[in-house]
C-alpha atoms as a PDB file:
ATOM      1  CA  MET A   1       5.059 -52.172  18.209  1.00  0.00           C
ATOM      2  CA  SER A   2       2.889 -49.285  17.112  1.00  0.00           C
ATOM      3  CA  THR A   3       4.275 -45.809  16.914  1.00  0.00           C
ATOM      4  CA  PRO A   4       2.393 -42.970  18.547  1.00  0.00           C
ATOM      5  CA  ALA A   5       0.435 -40.815  16.149  1.00  0.00           C
ATOM      6  CA  ASP A   6       1.671 -37.336  15.490  1.00  0.00           C
ATOM      7  CA  PRO A   7      -0.225 -34.773  17.537  1.00  0.00           C
ATOM      8  CA  VAL A   8      -2.988 -33.021  15.649  1.00  0.00           C
ATOM      9  CA  ILE A   9      -2.204 -29.331  15.298  1.00  0.00           C
ATOM     10  CA  LYS A  10      -5.428 -27.384  15.367  1.00  0.00           C
ATOM     11  CA  PRO A  11      -5.525 -24.252  13.215  1.00  0.00           C
ATOM     12  CA  LEU A  12      -5.737 -21.010  15.114  1.00  0.00           C
ATOM     13  CA  PRO A  13      -9.287 -19.642  15.281  1.00  0.00           C
ATOM     14  CA  MET A  14     -10.072 -16.704  13.031  1.00  0.00           C
ATOM     15  CA  ARG A  15     -10.239 -13.455  14.990  1.00  0.00           C
ATOM     16  CA  THR A  16     -12.175 -10.447  13.759  1.00  0.00           C
ATOM     17  CA  ALA A  17     -10.597  -6.993  13.606  1.00  0.00           C
ATOM     18  CA  PHE A  18     -12.735  -3.875  13.159  1.00  0.00           C
ATOM     19  CA  PHE A  19     -11.389  -0.567  11.834  1.00  0.00           C
ATOM     20  CA  VAL A  20     -13.757   2.143  13.085  1.00  0.00           C
ATOM     21  CA  SER A  21     -13.445   5.719  11.875  1.00  0.00           C
ATOM     22  CA  ASP A  22     -15.349   8.953  11.389  1.00  0.00           C
ATOM     23  CA  GLY A  23     -13.637   9.193   7.974  1.00  0.00           C
ATOM     24  CA  THR A  24     -12.600   6.600   5.420  1.00  0.00           C
ATOM     25  CA  GLY A  25     -11.001   4.245   7.939  1.00  0.00           C
ATOM     26  CA  ILE A  26      -7.789   4.054   5.915  1.00  0.00           C
ATOM     27  CA  THR A  27      -5.644   5.436   8.738  1.00  0.00           C
ATOM     28  CA  ALA A  28      -7.008   2.925  11.263  1.00  0.00           C
ATOM     29  CA  GLU A  29      -6.669   0.075   8.785  1.00  0.00           C
ATOM     30  CA  THR A  30      -3.106   0.968   7.796  1.00  0.00           C
ATOM     31  CA  PHE A  31      -1.948   1.194  11.410  1.00  0.00           C
ATOM     32  CA  ALA A  32      -3.800  -1.994  12.343  1.00  0.00           C
ATOM     33  CA  HIS A  33      -2.210  -3.927   9.487  1.00  0.00           C
ATOM     34  CA  SER A  34       1.222  -2.995  10.807  1.00  0.00           C
ATOM     35  CA  VAL A  35       0.315  -4.246  14.274  1.00  0.00           C
ATOM     36  CA  LEU A  36      -1.595  -7.391  13.249  1.00  0.00           C
ATOM     37  CA  SER A  37       1.171  -8.476  10.878  1.00  0.00           C
ATOM     38  CA  GLN A  38       3.295  -9.140  13.972  1.00  0.00           C
ATOM     39  CA  PHE A  39       1.045 -12.088  14.849  1.00  0.00           C
ATOM     40  CA  ASP A  40       1.125 -15.296  12.813  1.00  0.00           C
ATOM     41  CA  MET A  41      -2.611 -15.929  12.771  1.00  0.00           C
ATOM     42  CA  PRO A  42      -5.548 -15.113  10.509  1.00  0.00           C
ATOM     43  CA  PHE A  43      -7.764 -12.062  11.011  1.00  0.00           C
ATOM     44  CA  ARG A  44     -11.137 -11.323   9.463  1.00  0.00           C
ATOM     45  CA  GLN A  45     -10.998  -7.595   8.735  1.00  0.00           C
ATOM     46  CA  ILE A  46     -14.035  -5.312   8.695  1.00  0.00           C
ATOM     47  CA  ARG A  47     -13.900  -1.566   8.055  1.00  0.00           C
ATOM     48  CA  LEU A  48     -16.635   0.644   9.533  1.00  0.00           C
ATOM     49  CA  PRO A  49     -16.098   4.098   7.967  1.00  0.00           C
ATOM     50  CA  PHE A  50     -17.961   7.396   8.400  1.00  0.00           C
ATOM     51  CA  ILE A  51     -19.137   6.740  11.975  1.00  0.00           C
ATOM     52  CA  ASP A  52     -19.870  10.433  12.494  1.00  0.00           C
ATOM     53  CA  SER A  53     -23.121  10.470  14.489  1.00  0.00           C
ATOM     54  CA  ILE A  54     -24.572   8.993  17.686  1.00  0.00           C
ATOM     55  CA  ASP A  55     -26.876   6.693  15.693  1.00  0.00           C
ATOM     56  CA  LYS A  56     -24.006   5.346  13.580  1.00  0.00           C
ATOM     57  CA  ALA A  57     -21.891   4.796  16.689  1.00  0.00           C
ATOM     58  CA  HIS A  58     -24.686   2.657  18.181  1.00  0.00           C
ATOM     59  CA  LEU A  59     -24.931   0.685  14.924  1.00  0.00           C
ATOM     60  CA  ALA A  60     -21.171   0.048  15.067  1.00  0.00           C
ATOM     61  CA  LEU A  61     -21.504  -1.021  18.710  1.00  0.00           C
ATOM     62  CA  ARG A  62     -24.279  -3.477  17.794  1.00  0.00           C
ATOM     63  CA  ARG A  63     -22.276  -4.932  14.910  1.00  0.00           C
ATOM     64  CA  ILE A  64     -19.206  -5.490  17.078  1.00  0.00           C
ATOM     65  CA  ASN A  65     -21.257  -7.162  19.815  1.00  0.00           C
ATOM     66  CA  GLU A  66     -23.066  -9.389  17.309  1.00  0.00           C
ATOM     67  CA  THR A  67     -19.706 -10.488  15.891  1.00  0.00           C
ATOM     68  CA  CYS A  68     -18.481 -11.249  19.400  1.00  0.00           C
ATOM     69  CA  ALA A  69     -21.522 -13.493  19.996  1.00  0.00           C
ATOM     70  CA  ILE A  70     -21.059 -15.307  16.665  1.00  0.00           C
ATOM     71  CA  ASP A  71     -17.291 -15.772  17.005  1.00  0.00           C
ATOM     72  CA  GLY A  72     -17.392 -16.718  20.659  1.00  0.00           C
ATOM     73  CA  GLN A  73     -14.446 -14.395  21.332  1.00  0.00           C
ATOM     74  CA  ARG A  74     -14.087 -10.663  21.466  1.00  0.00           C
ATOM     75  CA  PRO A  75     -13.100  -8.772  18.317  1.00  0.00           C
ATOM     76  CA  ILE A  76     -10.164  -6.385  18.156  1.00  0.00           C
ATOM     77  CA  VAL A  77     -11.399  -2.828  17.574  1.00  0.00           C
ATOM     78  CA  PHE A  78      -9.012  -0.220  16.153  1.00  0.00           C
ATOM     79  CA  SER A  79     -10.592   3.233  16.357  1.00  0.00           C
ATOM     80  CA  THR A  80      -9.711   6.661  15.016  1.00  0.00           C
ATOM     81  CA  LEU A  81     -12.948   8.260  16.244  1.00  0.00           C
ATOM     82  CA  VAL A  82     -12.151  11.838  17.188  1.00  0.00           C
ATOM     83  CA  LYS A  83     -15.277  12.966  19.045  1.00  0.00           C
ATOM     84  CA  THR A  84     -15.350  11.717  22.623  1.00  0.00           C
ATOM     85  CA  GLU A  85     -19.120  11.072  22.640  1.00  0.00           C
ATOM     86  CA  LEU A  86     -18.754   8.688  19.670  1.00  0.00           C
ATOM     87  CA  SER A  87     -15.668   6.998  21.036  1.00  0.00           C
ATOM     88  CA  ASP A  88     -17.333   6.502  24.431  1.00  0.00           C
ATOM     89  CA  ILE A  89     -20.216   4.596  22.798  1.00  0.00           C
ATOM     90  CA  VAL A  90     -18.066   2.212  20.765  1.00  0.00           C
ATOM     91  CA  ARG A  91     -15.705   1.766  23.708  1.00  0.00           C
ATOM     92  CA  THR A  92     -18.529  -0.002  25.628  1.00  0.00           C
ATOM     93  CA  SER A  93     -18.544  -2.829  23.065  1.00  0.00           C
ATOM     94  CA  GLN A  94     -17.479  -6.352  23.933  1.00  0.00           C
ATOM     95  CA  GLY A  95     -14.378  -5.932  21.780  1.00  0.00           C
ATOM     96  CA  LEU A  96     -10.813  -5.066  22.789  1.00  0.00           C
ATOM     97  CA  TYR A  97     -10.929  -1.315  22.125  1.00  0.00           C
ATOM     98  CA  MET A  98      -7.732   0.274  20.773  1.00  0.00           C
ATOM     99  CA  ASP A  99      -8.112   4.069  20.646  1.00  0.00           C
ATOM    100  CA  LEU A 100      -5.525   5.304  18.140  1.00  0.00           C
ATOM    101  CA  ILE A 101      -6.501   8.969  18.635  1.00  0.00           C
ATOM    102  CA  GLN A 102      -6.486   9.363  22.421  1.00  0.00           C
ATOM    103  CA  THR A 103      -3.350   7.241  22.746  1.00  0.00           C
ATOM    104  CA  PHE A 104      -1.440  10.046  21.066  1.00  0.00           C
ATOM    105  CA  VAL A 105      -3.635  13.134  21.524  1.00  0.00           C
ATOM    106  CA  GLU A 106      -3.698  13.176  25.326  1.00  0.00           C
ATOM    107  CA  PRO A 107       0.115  13.046  25.777  1.00  0.00           C
ATOM    108  CA  LEU A 108       0.474  15.723  23.086  1.00  0.00           C
ATOM    109  CA  GLU A 109      -2.089  17.971  24.801  1.00  0.00           C
ATOM    110  CA  GLN A 110      -0.012  17.755  27.979  1.00  0.00           C
ATOM    111  CA  GLU A 111       3.258  18.332  26.154  1.00  0.00           C
ATOM    112  CA  LEU A 112       1.990  21.258  24.045  1.00  0.00           C
ATOM    113  CA  GLY A 113      -0.081  22.824  26.800  1.00  0.00           C
ATOM    114  CA  MET A 114      -3.195  23.090  24.648  1.00  0.00           C
ATOM    115  CA  LYS A 115      -6.343  21.138  23.812  1.00  0.00           C
ATOM    116  CA  SER A 116      -6.767  19.421  20.464  1.00  0.00           C
ATOM    117  CA  MET A 117      -9.490  20.602  18.088  1.00  0.00           C
ATOM    118  CA  HIS A 118     -11.363  17.251  18.099  1.00  0.00           C
ATOM    119  CA  THR A 119     -12.460  17.941  14.527  1.00  0.00           C
ATOM    120  CA  ILE A 120     -13.943  14.996  12.644  1.00  0.00           C
ATOM    121  CA  GLY A 121     -12.231  14.068   9.393  1.00  0.00           C
ATOM    122  CA  ARG A 122      -9.589  16.759   9.665  1.00  0.00           C
ATOM    123  CA  SER A 123      -6.835  14.466   8.346  1.00  0.00           C
ATOM    124  CA  HIS A 124      -8.900  13.705   5.237  1.00  0.00           C
ATOM    125  CA  THR A 125      -9.889  17.235   4.208  1.00  0.00           C
ATOM    126  CA  PRO A 126      -7.831  19.224   1.711  1.00  0.00           C
ATOM    127  CA  ALA A 127      -6.766  21.874   4.236  1.00  0.00           C
ATOM    128  CA  ASP A 128      -4.074  22.907   1.779  1.00  0.00           C
ATOM    129  CA  SER A 129      -5.961  23.160  -1.518  1.00  0.00           C
ATOM    130  CA  ALA A 130      -2.717  23.470  -3.478  1.00  0.00           C
ATOM    131  CA  GLU A 131      -1.527  20.134  -2.053  1.00  0.00           C
ATOM    132  CA  TYR A 132      -4.867  18.555  -2.921  1.00  0.00           C
ATOM    133  CA  ARG A 133      -4.663  19.818  -6.515  1.00  0.00           C
ATOM    134  CA  ASP A 134      -1.100  18.505  -6.762  1.00  0.00           C
ATOM    135  CA  ARG A 135      -2.286  15.020  -5.828  1.00  0.00           C
ATOM    136  CA  ILE A 136      -5.079  15.056  -8.385  1.00  0.00           C
ATOM    137  CA  GLU A 137      -2.646  16.280 -11.041  1.00  0.00           C
ATOM    138  CA  ALA A 138      -0.168  13.543 -10.083  1.00  0.00           C
ATOM    139  CA  ILE A 139      -2.874  10.856 -10.349  1.00  0.00           C
ATOM    140  CA  ASN A 140      -3.905  12.094 -13.798  1.00  0.00           C
ATOM    141  CA  PHE A 141      -0.250  12.178 -14.863  1.00  0.00           C
ATOM    142  CA  SER A 142       0.360   8.618 -13.667  1.00  0.00           C
ATOM    143  CA  LEU A 143      -2.755   7.323 -15.424  1.00  0.00           C
ATOM    144  CA  ALA A 144      -1.781   9.060 -18.677  1.00  0.00           C
ATOM    145  CA  HIS A 145       1.744   7.623 -18.492  1.00  0.00           C
ATOM    146  CA  ASP A 146       0.829   4.114 -17.367  1.00  0.00           C
ATOM    147  CA  ASP A 147       2.578   1.235 -19.139  1.00  0.00           C
ATOM    148  CA  GLY A 148       4.284   3.535 -21.650  1.00  0.00           C
ATOM    149  CA  GLN A 149       1.001   4.886 -23.060  1.00  0.00           C
ATOM    150  CA  SER A 150       2.472   8.331 -23.663  1.00  0.00           C
ATOM    151  CA  ASN A 151       5.905   9.893 -24.106  1.00  0.00           C
ATOM    152  CA  ARG A 152       4.578  13.432 -23.695  1.00  0.00           C
ATOM    153  CA  ASN A 153       5.807  15.578 -20.819  1.00  0.00           C
ATOM    154  CA  LEU A 154       8.128  12.939 -19.389  1.00  0.00           C
ATOM    155  CA  SER A 155      10.340  15.824 -18.320  1.00  0.00           C
ATOM    156  CA  GLN A 156       7.625  16.645 -15.747  1.00  0.00           C
ATOM    157  CA  ALA A 157       7.850  13.209 -14.129  1.00  0.00           C
ATOM    158  CA  ASP A 158       9.315  12.977 -10.633  1.00  0.00           C
ATOM    159  CA  VAL A 159      10.190   9.337 -11.253  1.00  0.00           C
ATOM    160  CA  ILE A 160       9.923   6.880 -14.154  1.00  0.00           C
ATOM    161  CA  LEU A 161       9.514   3.254 -13.109  1.00  0.00           C
ATOM    162  CA  VAL A 162      10.835   0.598 -15.497  1.00  0.00           C
ATOM    163  CA  GLY A 163      10.645  -3.187 -15.424  1.00  0.00           C
ATOM    164  CA  VAL A 164       9.132  -6.159 -17.178  1.00  0.00           C
ATOM    165  CA  SER A 165       5.370  -6.520 -17.478  1.00  0.00           C
ATOM    166  CA  ARG A 166       3.615  -7.366 -14.165  1.00  0.00           C
ATOM    167  CA  SER A 167       6.526  -6.461 -11.911  1.00  0.00           C
ATOM    168  CA  GLY A 168       4.467  -3.963  -9.866  1.00  0.00           C
ATOM    169  CA  LYS A 169       5.006  -0.705 -11.767  1.00  0.00           C
ATOM    170  CA  THR A 170       1.371   0.407 -12.095  1.00  0.00           C
ATOM    171  CA  PRO A 171       0.235  -0.028  -8.466  1.00  0.00           C
ATOM    172  CA  THR A 172       3.436   1.603  -7.224  1.00  0.00           C
ATOM    173  CA  SER A 173       2.969   4.568  -9.578  1.00  0.00           C
ATOM    174  CA  LEU A 174      -0.610   5.129  -8.440  1.00  0.00           C
ATOM    175  CA  PHE A 175       0.301   4.747  -4.768  1.00  0.00           C
ATOM    176  CA  LEU A 176       3.019   7.384  -5.116  1.00  0.00           C
ATOM    177  CA  ALA A 177       0.560   9.718  -6.845  1.00  0.00           C
ATOM    178  CA  MET A 178      -2.339   9.226  -4.441  1.00  0.00           C
ATOM    179  CA  GLN A 179      -0.388   9.249  -1.199  1.00  0.00           C
ATOM    180  CA  TYR A 180       2.428  11.690  -1.954  1.00  0.00           C
ATOM    181  CA  GLY A 181       1.501  13.690  -5.055  1.00  0.00           C
ATOM    182  CA  ILE A 182       4.478  12.185  -6.936  1.00  0.00           C
ATOM    183  CA  LYS A 183       4.202  12.294 -10.737  1.00  0.00           C
ATOM    184  CA  ALA A 184       5.247   8.743 -11.566  1.00  0.00           C
ATOM    185  CA  ALA A 185       5.359   7.417 -15.107  1.00  0.00           C
ATOM    186  CA  ASN A 186       5.987   3.743 -15.762  1.00  0.00           C
ATOM    187  CA  TYR A 187       7.443   2.025 -18.802  1.00  0.00           C
ATOM    188  CA  PRO A 188       7.663  -1.678 -19.663  1.00  0.00           C
ATOM    189  CA  LEU A 189      10.931  -3.281 -20.693  1.00  0.00           C
ATOM    190  CA  THR A 190      10.132  -5.637 -23.592  1.00  0.00           C
ATOM    191  CA  PRO A 191      11.948  -8.382 -25.538  1.00  0.00           C
ATOM    192  CA  ASP A 192      12.551  -5.820 -28.314  1.00  0.00           C
ATOM    193  CA  ASP A 193      14.531  -3.704 -25.858  1.00  0.00           C
ATOM    194  CA  PHE A 194      16.560  -6.749 -24.820  1.00  0.00           C
ATOM    195  CA  ILE A 195      17.380  -7.601 -28.446  1.00  0.00           C
ATOM    196  CA  ARG A 196      18.553  -4.013 -29.057  1.00  0.00           C
ATOM    197  CA  ARG A 197      20.326  -4.053 -25.665  1.00  0.00           C
ATOM    198  CA  LYS A 198      19.149  -0.481 -25.154  1.00  0.00           C
ATOM    199  CA  LEU A 199      16.555   1.332 -23.097  1.00  0.00           C
ATOM    200  CA  PRO A 200      13.482   2.623 -24.962  1.00  0.00           C
ATOM    201  CA  PRO A 201      14.608   5.765 -26.842  1.00  0.00           C
ATOM    202  CA  ALA A 202      11.998   7.980 -25.149  1.00  0.00           C
ATOM    203  CA  LEU A 203      13.583   7.279 -21.760  1.00  0.00           C
ATOM    204  CA  LEU A 204      17.204   8.023 -22.585  1.00  0.00           C
ATOM    205  CA  PRO A 205      17.007  11.796 -21.825  1.00  0.00           C
ATOM    206  CA  HIS A 206      15.491  10.999 -18.407  1.00  0.00           C
ATOM    207  CA  LYS A 207      17.805   8.281 -17.122  1.00  0.00           C
ATOM    208  CA  ASP A 208      18.441  10.211 -13.903  1.00  0.00           C
ATOM    209  CA  LYS A 209      14.733   9.892 -13.018  1.00  0.00           C
ATOM    210  CA  MET A 210      14.496   6.177 -13.664  1.00  0.00           C
ATOM    211  CA  PHE A 211      13.990   3.517 -10.999  1.00  0.00           C
ATOM    212  CA  GLY A 212      13.713  -0.176 -11.809  1.00  0.00           C
ATOM    213  CA  LEU A 213      11.493  -2.896 -10.388  1.00  0.00           C
ATOM    214  CA  SER A 214      12.406  -6.547 -10.695  1.00  0.00           C
ATOM    215  CA  ILE A 215      10.709  -9.698  -9.385  1.00  0.00           C
ATOM    216  CA  ALA A 216      11.515 -13.377  -8.839  1.00  0.00           C
ATOM    217  CA  PRO A 217      10.818 -15.372 -12.035  1.00  0.00           C
ATOM    218  CA  ASP A 218       8.606 -17.958 -10.304  1.00  0.00           C
ATOM    219  CA  ARG A 219       6.449 -15.217  -8.764  1.00  0.00           C
ATOM    220  CA  LEU A 220       6.242 -13.431 -12.122  1.00  0.00           C
ATOM    221  CA  ALA A 221       5.157 -16.666 -13.833  1.00  0.00           C
ATOM    222  CA  GLU A 222       2.468 -17.144 -11.186  1.00  0.00           C
ATOM    223  CA  ILE A 223       1.098 -13.619 -11.720  1.00  0.00           C
ATOM    224  CA  ARG A 224       1.178 -13.912 -15.505  1.00  0.00           C
ATOM    225  CA  HIS A 225      -0.545 -17.309 -15.457  1.00  0.00           C
ATOM    226  CA  GLU A 226      -3.517 -15.644 -13.753  1.00  0.00           C
ATOM    227  CA  ARG A 227      -3.792 -13.286 -16.719  1.00  0.00           C
ATOM    228  CA  LEU A 228      -2.782 -15.566 -19.629  1.00  0.00           C
ATOM    229  CA  PRO A 229      -2.624 -19.193 -18.468  1.00  0.00           C
ATOM    230  CA  ASP A 230      -0.394 -21.646 -20.351  1.00  0.00           C
ATOM    231  CA  SER A 231       1.049 -18.921 -22.589  1.00  0.00           C
ATOM    232  CA  THR A 232       4.644 -18.324 -23.652  1.00  0.00           C
ATOM    233  CA  TYR A 233       4.307 -14.942 -21.945  1.00  0.00           C
ATOM    234  CA  ALA A 234       3.694 -16.701 -18.615  1.00  0.00           C
ATOM    235  CA  SER A 235       6.132 -19.600 -18.994  1.00  0.00           C
ATOM    236  CA  ILE A 236       8.842 -19.871 -16.369  1.00  0.00           C
ATOM    237  CA  GLU A 237      11.505 -20.013 -19.098  1.00  0.00           C
ATOM    238  CA  ASN A 238      10.335 -16.733 -20.603  1.00  0.00           C
ATOM    239  CA  CYS A 239      10.022 -15.100 -17.188  1.00  0.00           C
ATOM    240  CA  ARG A 240      13.575 -16.119 -16.305  1.00  0.00           C
ATOM    241  CA  TYR A 241      14.835 -14.716 -19.603  1.00  0.00           C
ATOM    242  CA  GLU A 242      13.022 -11.372 -19.263  1.00  0.00           C
ATOM    243  CA  ILE A 243      14.048 -10.856 -15.635  1.00  0.00           C
ATOM    244  CA  SER A 244      17.678 -11.739 -16.360  1.00  0.00           C
ATOM    245  CA  GLU A 245      17.841  -9.379 -19.336  1.00  0.00           C
ATOM    246  CA  ALA A 246      16.035  -6.571 -17.521  1.00  0.00           C
ATOM    247  CA  GLU A 247      18.397  -6.730 -14.539  1.00  0.00           C
ATOM    248  CA  LYS A 248      21.436  -6.821 -16.822  1.00  0.00           C
ATOM    249  CA  MET A 249      20.135  -3.768 -18.678  1.00  0.00           C
ATOM    250  CA  MET A 250      19.477  -1.821 -15.470  1.00  0.00           C
ATOM    251  CA  GLN A 251      22.953  -2.628 -14.168  1.00  0.00           C
ATOM    252  CA  ARG A 252      24.510  -1.728 -17.504  1.00  0.00           C
ATOM    253  CA  GLU A 253      22.652   1.589 -17.714  1.00  0.00           C
ATOM    254  CA  GLY A 254      23.209   2.514 -14.068  1.00  0.00           C
ATOM    255  CA  VAL A 255      19.517   2.413 -13.184  1.00  0.00           C
ATOM    256  CA  ARG A 256      18.791   1.911  -9.494  1.00  0.00           C
ATOM    257  CA  TRP A 257      16.425  -0.999  -8.898  1.00  0.00           C
ATOM    258  CA  LEU A 258      14.985  -3.360  -6.307  1.00  0.00           C
ATOM    259  CA  SER A 259      13.041  -6.614  -6.283  1.00  0.00           C
ATOM    260  CA  SER A 260       9.340  -6.283  -5.521  1.00  0.00           C
ATOM    261  CA  THR A 261       8.953  -9.994  -4.731  1.00  0.00           C
ATOM    262  CA  THR A 262       8.752  -9.780  -0.948  1.00  0.00           C
ATOM    263  CA  LYS A 263       8.087  -6.053  -0.538  1.00  0.00           C
ATOM    264  CA  SER A 264       4.783  -4.284  -0.078  1.00  0.00           C
ATOM    265  CA  ILE A 265       3.862  -1.296  -2.226  1.00  0.00           C
ATOM    266  CA  GLU A 266       4.422   0.884   0.831  1.00  0.00           C
ATOM    267  CA  GLU A 267       7.985  -0.417   1.221  1.00  0.00           C
ATOM    268  CA  ILE A 268       8.743   0.043  -2.475  1.00  0.00           C
ATOM    269  CA  ALA A 269       7.337   3.579  -2.415  1.00  0.00           C
ATOM    270  CA  ALA A 270       9.342   4.459   0.708  1.00  0.00           C
ATOM    271  CA  THR A 271      12.566   3.333  -0.988  1.00  0.00           C
ATOM    272  CA  ILE A 272      11.769   5.347  -4.121  1.00  0.00           C
ATOM    273  CA  LEU A 273      10.908   8.437  -2.060  1.00  0.00           C
ATOM    274  CA  GLN A 274      14.181   8.140  -0.206  1.00  0.00           C
ATOM    275  CA  GLU A 275      16.077   8.004  -3.517  1.00  0.00           C
ATOM    276  CA  ILE A 276      14.164  10.999  -4.903  1.00  0.00           C
ATOM    277  CA  LYS A 277      14.780  13.088  -1.772  1.00  0.00           C
ATOM    278  CA  THR A 278      18.465  12.154  -1.707  1.00  0.00           C
ATOM    279  CA  GLU A 279      18.811  13.295  -5.286  1.00  0.00           C
ATOM    280  CA  GLN A 280      16.886  16.527  -4.667  1.00  0.00           C
ATOM    281  CA  ARG A 281      19.106  17.362  -1.684  1.00  0.00           C
ATOM    282  CA  SER A 282      22.248  16.865  -3.726  1.00  0.00           C
ATOM    283  CA  GLY A 283      20.886  18.762  -6.714  1.00  0.00           C
END
């Protein structure tokens, strides 16, 4: 007696998502990622930035419609176009149009009793030049203090990230600098530190600013193998040893830490910001 074959599960078709903006498109893309991540299916993602004229709006419209014809299904269009005449053009596309500006602006206009300025790119211009300079200074600081390159001016750091090599310190430092103007230094914990059972001497005066990042050993081995395949540095045994020793050291020294294994840079940064603000309030 033959057994029935298991049903063939067809993969979900790839849908295309457009991020349309009069500026960089980062705002539309960030919001869209949060929404699309709620759906367990693949998305082809296309950013269309700097759509700031009638001609460019028509080009965006054409691109969306061409994609619809090729895919055989309508794309999802996330838009942060501010000017109504541009938004109205792209809105006529064959995509599902999600207007992230008017969704919030119109209710706010009613609530505040005033019209919005409808100014293109306003969220991306350095309206507060001091804030803009602070961000640039924070980026330069983070680059100069990446991976323990320099011990100078560590007293100026808002936070000092510590952890083993490839645990996510550099991208987190730069994200904090670029998005929030946070001066973030980062320092690797090395086998020499584990042998001495002490933090690097340069960090000892700044323990209150330290925040640790850890990671699952198998994920660390995977990342390191991409950089140095089949090396002792990337071996699972070495990764387990370094992670174990690093976590013991952070616990012993009273350094707050979290695992970056399943967290995005945004989530890690949010946790660090919360810790910094808590400390500033109590200081």
